[in-house]
Amino acid sequence: MKIEIIRREKNLLEFYIEGEDHTFANLLKEYLEENRHVTFAGYTIEHPILMARKPRFKVVTDGKVTPEKALEEAAEKIFDRARETLEAWKKALEG
């Protein structure tokens, strides 16, 4: 995964996430939308063939948190959920 910043302003951040597709992009968008300070979170895949693994994100906040902070919090929640899933999987395999 590589992040390429397109535009950065006080309450707005636009960036590409190279190497990802709708699966991860939808997950990140959902967790961003849970943050009450995020006023807009969305992404697009600009060309389905040429840019299929390079979603373009836009995150806007109300100014009480930066878009970078909102992204950090969303990433931590995704990581926590993945850890919970792994632990549940291990328990299920143990019997």
PDB file of N, CA and C in Angstrom:
ATOM      1  N   MET A   1       0.845  -1.169   0.000  1.00  0.00           N
ATOM      2  CA  MET A   1       0.000   0.000   0.000  1.00  0.00           C
ATOM      3  C   MET A   1       0.896   1.240   0.000  1.00  0.00           C
ATOM      4  N   LYS A   2       0.500   2.199  -0.803  1.00  0.00           N
ATOM      5  CA  LYS A   2       1.203   3.474  -0.856  1.00  0.00           C
ATOM      6  C   LYS A   2       0.157   4.574  -0.892  1.00  0.00           C
ATOM      7  N   ILE A   3       0.378   5.635  -0.125  1.00  0.00           N
ATOM      8  CA  ILE A   3      -0.547   6.769  -0.106  1.00  0.00           C
ATOM      9  C   ILE A   3       0.117   7.942  -0.810  1.00  0.00           C
ATOM     10  N   GLU A   4      -0.614   8.513  -1.755  1.00  0.00           N
ATOM     11  CA  GLU A   4      -0.138   9.666  -2.518  1.00  0.00           C
ATOM     12  C   GLU A   4      -1.097  10.831  -2.252  1.00  0.00           C
ATOM     13  N   ILE A   5      -0.613  11.863  -1.598  1.00  0.00           N
ATOM     14  CA  ILE A   5      -1.466  13.004  -1.268  1.00  0.00           C
ATOM     15  C   ILE A   5      -1.628  13.887  -2.505  1.00  0.00           C
ATOM     16  N   ILE A   6      -2.867  14.235  -2.794  1.00  0.00           N
ATOM     17  CA  ILE A   6      -3.200  15.074  -3.936  1.00  0.00           C
ATOM     18  C   ILE A   6      -3.394  16.519  -3.487  1.00  0.00           C
ATOM     19  N   ARG A   7      -4.175  16.691  -2.432  1.00  0.00           N
ATOM     20  CA  ARG A   7      -4.471  18.035  -1.929  1.00  0.00           C
ATOM     21  C   ARG A   7      -4.642  17.965  -0.424  1.00  0.00           C
ATOM     22  N   ARG A   8      -4.055  18.935   0.261  1.00  0.00           N
ATOM     23  CA  ARG A   8      -4.133  18.992   1.723  1.00  0.00           C
ATOM     24  C   ARG A   8      -4.435  20.432   2.121  1.00  0.00           C
ATOM     25  N   GLU A   9      -5.538  20.606   2.827  1.00  0.00           N
ATOM     26  CA  GLU A   9      -5.924  21.897   3.372  1.00  0.00           C
ATOM     27  C   GLU A   9      -6.280  21.681   4.832  1.00  0.00           C
ATOM     28  N   LYS A  10      -6.694  22.722   5.504  1.00  0.00           N
ATOM     29  CA  LYS A  10      -6.956  22.628   6.948  1.00  0.00           C
ATOM     30  C   LYS A  10      -7.914  21.479   7.300  1.00  0.00           C
ATOM     31  N   ASN A  11      -9.065  21.440   6.666  1.00  0.00           N
ATOM     32  CA  ASN A  11     -10.080  20.440   7.000  1.00  0.00           C
ATOM     33  C   ASN A  11     -10.360  19.472   5.862  1.00  0.00           C
ATOM     34  N   LEU A  12      -9.476  19.434   4.875  1.00  0.00           N
ATOM     35  CA  LEU A  12      -9.706  18.604   3.699  1.00  0.00           C
ATOM     36  C   LEU A  12      -8.430  17.878   3.313  1.00  0.00           C
ATOM     37  N   LEU A  13      -8.600  16.623   2.943  1.00  0.00           N
ATOM     38  CA  LEU A  13      -7.468  15.833   2.468  1.00  0.00           C
ATOM     39  C   LEU A  13      -7.956  14.970   1.313  1.00  0.00           C
ATOM     40  N   GLU A  14      -7.234  15.050   0.201  1.00  0.00           N
ATOM     41  CA  GLU A  14      -7.501  14.181  -0.941  1.00  0.00           C
ATOM     42  C   GLU A  14      -6.242  13.378  -1.209  1.00  0.00           C
ATOM     43  N   PHE A  15      -6.407  12.082  -1.468  1.00  0.00           N
ATOM     44  CA  PHE A  15      -5.251  11.211  -1.661  1.00  0.00           C
ATOM     45  C   PHE A  15      -5.644   9.954  -2.407  1.00  0.00           C
ATOM     46  N   TYR A  16      -4.649   9.320  -2.989  1.00  0.00           N
ATOM     47  CA  TYR A  16      -4.802   8.006  -3.590  1.00  0.00           C
ATOM     48  C   TYR A  16      -4.280   6.970  -2.604  1.00  0.00           C
ATOM     49  N   ILE A  17      -4.893   5.802  -2.626  1.00  0.00           N
ATOM     50  CA  ILE A  17      -4.356   4.645  -1.922  1.00  0.00           C
ATOM     51  C   ILE A  17      -3.994   3.626  -3.001  1.00  0.00           C
ATOM     52  N   GLU A  18      -2.726   3.576  -3.344  1.00  0.00           N
ATOM     53  CA  GLU A  18      -2.275   2.658  -4.389  1.00  0.00           C
ATOM     54  C   GLU A  18      -2.212   1.235  -3.854  1.00  0.00           C
ATOM     55  N   GLY A  19      -2.637   0.301  -4.687  1.00  0.00           N
ATOM     56  CA  GLY A  19      -2.557  -1.107  -4.328  1.00  0.00           C
ATOM     57  C   GLY A  19      -3.797  -1.635  -3.642  1.00  0.00           C
ATOM     58  N   GLU A  20      -4.826  -0.802  -3.497  1.00  0.00           N
ATOM     59  CA  GLU A  20      -6.073  -1.248  -2.867  1.00  0.00           C
ATOM     60  C   GLU A  20      -7.216  -1.099  -3.853  1.00  0.00           C
ATOM     61  N   ASP A  21      -8.353  -1.701  -3.509  1.00  0.00           N
ATOM     62  CA  ASP A  21      -9.517  -1.622  -4.375  1.00  0.00           C
ATOM     63  C   ASP A  21     -10.747  -1.328  -3.532  1.00  0.00           C
ATOM     64  N   HIS A  22     -11.925  -1.636  -4.060  1.00  0.00           N
ATOM     65  CA  HIS A  22     -13.169  -1.335  -3.344  1.00  0.00           C
ATOM     66  C   HIS A  22     -13.246  -2.005  -1.975  1.00  0.00           C
ATOM     67  N   THR A  23     -12.655  -3.171  -1.834  1.00  0.00           N
ATOM     68  CA  THR A  23     -12.757  -3.899  -0.571  1.00  0.00           C
ATOM     69  C   THR A  23     -12.219  -3.066   0.584  1.00  0.00           C
ATOM     70  N   PHE A  24     -10.991  -2.621   0.476  1.00  0.00           N
ATOM     71  CA  PHE A  24     -10.403  -1.824   1.551  1.00  0.00           C
ATOM     72  C   PHE A  24     -10.982  -0.411   1.570  1.00  0.00           C
ATOM     73  N   ALA A  25     -11.227   0.159   0.401  1.00  0.00           N
ATOM     74  CA  ALA A  25     -11.748   1.521   0.329  1.00  0.00           C
ATOM     75  C   ALA A  25     -13.102   1.641   1.026  1.00  0.00           C
ATOM     76  N   ASN A  26     -13.984   0.679   0.813  1.00  0.00           N
ATOM     77  CA  ASN A  26     -15.286   0.695   1.481  1.00  0.00           C
ATOM     78  C   ASN A  26     -15.139   0.573   2.990  1.00  0.00           C
ATOM     79  N   LEU A  27     -14.253  -0.290   3.422  1.00  0.00           N
ATOM     80  CA  LEU A  27     -14.012  -0.469   4.852  1.00  0.00           C
ATOM     81  C   LEU A  27     -13.523   0.830   5.486  1.00  0.00           C
ATOM     82  N   LEU A  28     -12.538   1.461   4.862  1.00  0.00           N
ATOM     83  CA  LEU A  28     -12.005   2.720   5.391  1.00  0.00           C
ATOM     84  C   LEU A  28     -13.086   3.793   5.409  1.00  0.00           C
ATOM     85  N   LYS A  29     -13.854   3.894   4.359  1.00  0.00           N
ATOM     86  CA  LYS A  29     -14.929   4.888   4.290  1.00  0.00           C
ATOM     87  C   LYS A  29     -15.934   4.678   5.426  1.00  0.00           C
ATOM     88  N   GLU A  30     -16.313   3.436   5.675  1.00  0.00           N
ATOM     89  CA  GLU A  30     -17.269   3.152   6.756  1.00  0.00           C
ATOM     90  C   GLU A  30     -16.745   3.600   8.111  1.00  0.00           C
ATOM     91  N   TYR A  31     -15.488   3.293   8.391  1.00  0.00           N
ATOM     92  CA  TYR A  31     -14.923   3.687   9.687  1.00  0.00           C
ATOM     93  C   TYR A  31     -14.741   5.197   9.781  1.00  0.00           C
ATOM     94  N   LEU A  32     -14.420   5.856   8.685  1.00  0.00           N
ATOM     95  CA  LEU A  32     -14.326   7.314   8.695  1.00  0.00           C
ATOM     96  C   LEU A  32     -15.685   7.936   8.992  1.00  0.00           C
ATOM     97  N   GLU A  33     -16.733   7.379   8.424  1.00  0.00           N
ATOM     98  CA  GLU A  33     -18.079   7.917   8.624  1.00  0.00           C
ATOM     99  C   GLU A  33     -18.573   7.753  10.058  1.00  0.00           C
ATOM    100  N   GLU A  34     -17.983   6.856  10.818  1.00  0.00           N
ATOM    101  CA  GLU A  34     -18.353   6.698  12.228  1.00  0.00           C
ATOM    102  C   GLU A  34     -17.857   7.858  13.086  1.00  0.00           C
ATOM    103  N   ASN A  35     -16.873   8.590  12.594  1.00  0.00           N
ATOM    104  CA  ASN A  35     -16.304   9.715  13.343  1.00  0.00           C
ATOM    105  C   ASN A  35     -17.242  10.916  13.206  1.00  0.00           C
ATOM    106  N   ARG A  36     -17.757  11.419  14.312  1.00  0.00           N
ATOM    107  CA  ARG A  36     -18.739  12.514  14.270  1.00  0.00           C
ATOM    108  C   ARG A  36     -18.160  13.817  13.743  1.00  0.00           C
ATOM    109  N   HIS A  37     -16.844  13.920  13.679  1.00  0.00           N
ATOM    110  CA  HIS A  37     -16.211  15.135  13.169  1.00  0.00           C
ATOM    111  C   HIS A  37     -15.930  15.073  11.666  1.00  0.00           C
ATOM    112  N   VAL A  38     -16.166  13.921  11.064  1.00  0.00           N
ATOM    113  CA  VAL A  38     -15.999  13.781   9.614  1.00  0.00           C
ATOM    114  C   VAL A  38     -17.316  14.175   8.958  1.00  0.00           C
ATOM    115  N   THR A  39     -17.274  15.240   8.144  1.00  0.00           N
ATOM    116  CA  THR A  39     -18.490  15.707   7.474  1.00  0.00           C
ATOM    117  C   THR A  39     -18.646  15.077   6.093  1.00  0.00           C
ATOM    118  N   PHE A  40     -17.559  14.582   5.525  1.00  0.00           N
ATOM    119  CA  PHE A  40     -17.627  13.883   4.247  1.00  0.00           C
ATOM    120  C   PHE A  40     -16.466  12.914   4.144  1.00  0.00           C
ATOM    121  N   ALA A  41     -16.771  11.704   3.715  1.00  0.00           N
ATOM    122  CA  ALA A  41     -15.745  10.701   3.415  1.00  0.00           C
ATOM    123  C   ALA A  41     -16.229   9.924   2.201  1.00  0.00           C
ATOM    124  N   GLY A  42     -15.444   9.943   1.165  1.00  0.00           N
ATOM    125  CA  GLY A  42     -15.837   9.223  -0.034  1.00  0.00           C
ATOM    126  C   GLY A  42     -14.633   8.909  -0.893  1.00  0.00           C
ATOM    127  N   TYR A  43     -14.857   8.031  -1.845  1.00  0.00           N
ATOM    128  CA  TYR A  43     -13.779   7.675  -2.765  1.00  0.00           C
ATOM    129  C   TYR A  43     -14.381   7.356  -4.114  1.00  0.00           C
ATOM    130  N   THR A  44     -13.530   7.379  -5.094  1.00  0.00           N
ATOM    131  CA  THR A  44     -13.910   6.987  -6.439  1.00  0.00           C
ATOM    132  C   THR A  44     -12.745   6.246  -7.076  1.00  0.00           C
ATOM    133  N   ILE A  45     -13.073   5.402  -8.014  1.00  0.00           N
ATOM    134  CA  ILE A  45     -12.051   4.767  -8.835  1.00  0.00           C
ATOM    135  C   ILE A  45     -12.212   5.441 -10.195  1.00  0.00           C
ATOM    136  N   GLU A  46     -11.255   6.265 -10.547  1.00  0.00           N
ATOM    137  CA  GLU A  46     -11.414   7.158 -11.686  1.00  0.00           C
ATOM    138  C   GLU A  46     -11.563   6.442 -13.023  1.00  0.00           C
ATOM    139  N   HIS A  47     -10.871   5.362 -13.246  1.00  0.00           N
ATOM    140  CA  HIS A  47     -11.008   4.590 -14.475  1.00  0.00           C
ATOM    141  C   HIS A  47     -10.959   3.121 -14.091  1.00  0.00           C
ATOM    142  N   PRO A  48     -12.021   2.380 -14.371  1.00  0.00           N
ATOM    143  CA  PRO A  48     -12.101   1.008 -13.866  1.00  0.00           C
ATOM    144  C   PRO A  48     -11.009   0.062 -14.360  1.00  0.00           C
ATOM    145  N   ILE A  49     -10.386   0.358 -15.476  1.00  0.00           N
ATOM    146  CA  ILE A  49      -9.322  -0.519 -15.961  1.00  0.00           C
ATOM    147  C   ILE A  49      -7.958   0.021 -15.563  1.00  0.00           C
ATOM    148  N   LEU A  50      -7.708   1.274 -15.848  1.00  0.00           N
ATOM    149  CA  LEU A  50      -6.381   1.853 -15.595  1.00  0.00           C
ATOM    150  C   LEU A  50      -6.116   2.140 -14.120  1.00  0.00           C
ATOM    151  N   MET A  51      -7.162   2.475 -13.370  1.00  0.00           N
ATOM    152  CA  MET A  51      -6.975   2.900 -11.983  1.00  0.00           C
ATOM    153  C   MET A  51      -7.671   1.949 -11.003  1.00  0.00           C
ATOM    154  N   ALA A  52      -7.905   0.713 -11.382  1.00  0.00           N
ATOM    155  CA  ALA A  52      -8.688  -0.224 -10.577  1.00  0.00           C
ATOM    156  C   ALA A  52      -8.118  -0.422  -9.180  1.00  0.00           C
ATOM    157  N   ARG A  53      -6.815  -0.299  -9.020  1.00  0.00           N
ATOM    158  CA  ARG A  53      -6.205  -0.517  -7.709  1.00  0.00           C
ATOM    159  C   ARG A  53      -5.602   0.783  -7.185  1.00  0.00           C
ATOM    160  N   LYS A  54      -6.354   1.882  -7.378  1.00  0.00           N
ATOM    161  CA  LYS A  54      -5.883   3.187  -6.920  1.00  0.00           C
ATOM    162  C   LYS A  54      -7.078   4.087  -6.598  1.00  0.00           C
ATOM    163  N   PRO A  55      -7.825   3.781  -5.523  1.00  0.00           N
ATOM    164  CA  PRO A  55      -8.964   4.630  -5.166  1.00  0.00           C
ATOM    165  C   PRO A  55      -8.500   6.042  -4.796  1.00  0.00           C
ATOM    166  N   ARG A  56      -9.306   7.019  -5.196  1.00  0.00           N
ATOM    167  CA  ARG A  56      -9.047   8.419  -4.852  1.00  0.00           C
ATOM    168  C   ARG A  56     -10.021   8.805  -3.743  1.00  0.00           C
ATOM    169  N   PHE A  57      -9.482   9.166  -2.586  1.00  0.00           N
ATOM    170  CA  PHE A  57     -10.273   9.506  -1.412  1.00  0.00           C
ATOM    171  C   PHE A  57     -10.368  11.008  -1.216  1.00  0.00           C
ATOM    172  N   LYS A  58     -11.463  11.402  -0.588  1.00  0.00           N
ATOM    173  CA  LYS A  58     -11.627  12.775  -0.126  1.00  0.00           C
ATOM    174  C   LYS A  58     -12.216  12.693   1.273  1.00  0.00           C
ATOM    175  N   VAL A  59     -11.560  13.365   2.232  1.00  0.00           N
ATOM    176  CA  VAL A  59     -12.025  13.392   3.619  1.00  0.00           C
ATOM    177  C   VAL A  59     -12.107  14.844   4.046  1.00  0.00           C
ATOM    178  N   VAL A  60     -13.281  15.228   4.588  1.00  0.00           N
ATOM    179  CA  VAL A  60     -13.499  16.587   5.081  1.00  0.00           C
ATOM    180  C   VAL A  60     -13.978  16.479   6.524  1.00  0.00           C
ATOM    181  N   THR A  61     -13.428  17.321   7.392  1.00  0.00           N
ATOM    182  CA  THR A  61     -13.837  17.321   8.797  1.00  0.00           C
ATOM    183  C   THR A  61     -14.434  18.681   9.172  1.00  0.00           C
ATOM    184  N   ASP A  62     -15.008  18.731  10.363  1.00  0.00           N
ATOM    185  CA  ASP A  62     -15.606  19.973  10.854  1.00  0.00           C
ATOM    186  C   ASP A  62     -14.590  20.912  11.503  1.00  0.00           C
ATOM    187  N   GLY A  63     -13.345  20.529  11.517  1.00  0.00           N
ATOM    188  CA  GLY A  63     -12.296  21.364  12.090  1.00  0.00           C
ATOM    189  C   GLY A  63     -11.923  21.013  13.522  1.00  0.00           C
ATOM    190  N   LYS A  64     -12.711  20.184  14.175  1.00  0.00           N
ATOM    191  CA  LYS A  64     -12.378  19.784  15.543  1.00  0.00           C
ATOM    192  C   LYS A  64     -11.295  18.707  15.559  1.00  0.00           C
ATOM    193  N   VAL A  65     -11.164  17.990  14.470  1.00  0.00           N
ATOM    194  CA  VAL A  65     -10.044  17.075  14.243  1.00  0.00           C
ATOM    195  C   VAL A  65      -9.577  17.280  12.807  1.00  0.00           C
ATOM    196  N   THR A  66      -8.343  16.960  12.553  1.00  0.00           N
ATOM    197  CA  THR A  66      -7.834  17.054  11.188  1.00  0.00           C
ATOM    198  C   THR A  66      -8.231  15.795  10.420  1.00  0.00           C
ATOM    199  N   PRO A  67      -8.255  15.874   9.103  1.00  0.00           N
ATOM    200  CA  PRO A  67      -8.513  14.655   8.335  1.00  0.00           C
ATOM    201  C   PRO A  67      -7.466  13.575   8.621  1.00  0.00           C
ATOM    202  N   GLU A  68      -6.223  13.991   8.842  1.00  0.00           N
ATOM    203  CA  GLU A  68      -5.168  13.023   9.159  1.00  0.00           C
ATOM    204  C   GLU A  68      -5.470  12.279  10.461  1.00  0.00           C
ATOM    205  N   LYS A  69      -5.952  12.999  11.461  1.00  0.00           N
ATOM    206  CA  LYS A  69      -6.297  12.371  12.742  1.00  0.00           C
ATOM    207  C   LYS A  69      -7.478  11.409  12.562  1.00  0.00           C
ATOM    208  N   ALA A  70      -8.458  11.822  11.783  1.00  0.00           N
ATOM    209  CA  ALA A  70      -9.609  10.952  11.517  1.00  0.00           C
ATOM    210  C   ALA A  70      -9.162   9.670  10.818  1.00  0.00           C
ATOM    211  N   LEU A  71      -8.233   9.790   9.874  1.00  0.00           N
ATOM    212  CA  LEU A  71      -7.702   8.607   9.185  1.00  0.00           C
ATOM    213  C   LEU A  71      -6.936   7.711  10.144  1.00  0.00           C
ATOM    214  N   GLU A  72      -6.160   8.312  11.023  1.00  0.00           N
ATOM    215  CA  GLU A  72      -5.404   7.530  12.011  1.00  0.00           C
ATOM    216  C   GLU A  72      -6.362   6.737  12.902  1.00  0.00           C
ATOM    217  N   GLU A  73      -7.421   7.383  13.363  1.00  0.00           N
ATOM    218  CA  GLU A  73      -8.390   6.707  14.227  1.00  0.00           C
ATOM    219  C   GLU A  73      -9.111   5.583  13.478  1.00  0.00           C
ATOM    220  N   ALA A  74      -9.465   5.822  12.222  1.00  0.00           N
ATOM    221  CA  ALA A  74     -10.133   4.793  11.426  1.00  0.00           C
ATOM    222  C   ALA A  74      -9.204   3.600  11.211  1.00  0.00           C
ATOM    223  N   ALA A  75      -7.935   3.870  10.916  1.00  0.00           N
ATOM    224  CA  ALA A  75      -6.963   2.783  10.716  1.00  0.00           C
ATOM    225  C   ALA A  75      -6.794   1.958  11.990  1.00  0.00           C
ATOM    226  N   GLU A  76      -6.774   2.618  13.141  1.00  0.00           N
ATOM    227  CA  GLU A  76      -6.655   1.890  14.414  1.00  0.00           C
ATOM    228  C   GLU A  76      -7.871   0.993  14.640  1.00  0.00           C
ATOM    229  N   LYS A  77      -9.055   1.475  14.308  1.00  0.00           N
ATOM    230  CA  LYS A  77     -10.265   0.662  14.473  1.00  0.00           C
ATOM    231  C   LYS A  77     -10.247  -0.547  13.538  1.00  0.00           C
ATOM    232  N   ILE A  78      -9.774  -0.341  12.305  1.00  0.00           N
ATOM    233  CA  ILE A  78      -9.663  -1.456  11.364  1.00  0.00           C
ATOM    234  C   ILE A  78      -8.684  -2.492  11.902  1.00  0.00           C
ATOM    235  N   PHE A  79      -7.556  -2.030  12.430  1.00  0.00           N
ATOM    236  CA  PHE A  79      -6.556  -2.929  12.992  1.00  0.00           C
ATOM    237  C   PHE A  79      -7.140  -3.705  14.169  1.00  0.00           C
ATOM    238  N   ASP A  80      -7.854  -3.017  15.048  1.00  0.00           N
ATOM    239  CA  ASP A  80      -8.467  -3.684  16.200  1.00  0.00           C
ATOM    240  C   ASP A  80      -9.470  -4.745  15.763  1.00  0.00           C
ATOM    241  N   ARG A  81     -10.270  -4.434  14.743  1.00  0.00           N
ATOM    242  CA  ARG A  81     -11.258  -5.395  14.258  1.00  0.00           C
ATOM    243  C   ARG A  81     -10.577  -6.614  13.640  1.00  0.00           C
ATOM    244  N   ALA A  82      -9.496  -6.380  12.923  1.00  0.00           N
ATOM    245  CA  ALA A  82      -8.746  -7.493  12.329  1.00  0.00           C
ATOM    246  C   ALA A  82      -8.158  -8.381  13.427  1.00  0.00           C
ATOM    247  N   ARG A  83      -7.649  -7.776  14.492  1.00  0.00           N
ATOM    248  CA  ARG A  83      -7.105  -8.551  15.605  1.00  0.00           C
ATOM    249  C   ARG A  83      -8.208  -9.380  16.271  1.00  0.00           C
ATOM    250  N   GLU A  84      -9.404  -8.798  16.462  1.00  0.00           N
ATOM    251  CA  GLU A  84     -10.523  -9.543  17.041  1.00  0.00           C
ATOM    252  C   GLU A  84     -10.898 -10.728  16.165  1.00  0.00           C
ATOM    253  N   THR A  85     -10.908 -10.516  14.862  1.00  0.00           N
ATOM    254  CA  THR A  85     -11.237 -11.588  13.927  1.00  0.00           C
ATOM    255  C   THR A  85     -10.212 -12.705  14.001  1.00  0.00           C
ATOM    256  N   LEU A  86      -8.944 -12.353  14.059  1.00  0.00           N
ATOM    257  CA  LEU A  86      -7.883 -13.350  14.158  1.00  0.00           C
ATOM    258  C   LEU A  86      -8.012 -14.157  15.440  1.00  0.00           C
ATOM    259  N   GLU A  87      -8.282 -13.494  16.551  1.00  0.00           N
ATOM    260  CA  GLU A  87      -8.431 -14.197  17.826  1.00  0.00           C
ATOM    261  C   GLU A  87      -9.640 -15.124  17.812  1.00  0.00           C
ATOM    262  N   ALA A  88     -10.750 -14.670  17.227  1.00  0.00           N
ATOM    263  CA  ALA A  88     -11.938 -15.525  17.129  1.00  0.00           C
ATOM    264  C   ALA A  88     -11.656 -16.734  16.241  1.00  0.00           C
ATOM    265  N   TRP A  89     -10.923 -16.520  15.168  1.00  0.00           N
ATOM    266  CA  TRP A  89     -10.556 -17.606  14.259  1.00  0.00           C
ATOM    267  C   TRP A  89      -9.696 -18.638  14.980  1.00  0.00           C
ATOM    268  N   LYS A  90      -8.709 -18.174  15.761  1.00  0.00           N
ATOM    269  CA  LYS A  90      -7.846 -19.096  16.509  1.00  0.00           C
ATOM    270  C   LYS A  90      -8.653 -19.921  17.509  1.00  0.00           C
ATOM    271  N   LYS A  91      -9.601 -19.292  18.197  1.00  0.00           N
ATOM    272  CA  LYS A  91     -10.435 -20.012  19.163  1.00  0.00           C
ATOM    273  C   LYS A  91     -11.290 -21.052  18.467  1.00  0.00           C
ATOM    274  N   ALA A  92     -11.817 -20.693  17.308  1.00  0.00           N
ATOM    275  CA  ALA A  92     -12.657 -21.640  16.572  1.00  0.00           C
ATOM    276  C   ALA A  92     -11.844 -22.853  16.122  1.00  0.00           C
ATOM    277  N   LEU A  93     -10.620 -22.640  15.731  1.00  0.00           N
ATOM    278  CA  LEU A  93      -9.780 -23.758  15.296  1.00  0.00           C
ATOM    279  C   LEU A  93      -9.365 -24.662  16.439  1.00  0.00           C
ATOM    280  N   GLU A  94      -9.249 -24.085  17.640  1.00  0.00           N
ATOM    281  CA  GLU A  94      -8.857 -24.877  18.806  1.00  0.00           C
ATOM    282  C   GLU A  94      -9.981 -25.792  19.274  1.00  0.00           C
ATOM    283  N   GLY A  95     -11.173 -25.470  18.895  1.00  0.00           N
ATOM    284  CA  GLY A  95     -12.207 -26.399  19.227  1.00  0.00           C
ATOM    285  C   GLY A  95     -13.305 -25.924  20.028  1.00  0.00           C
TER     286      GLY A  95
END
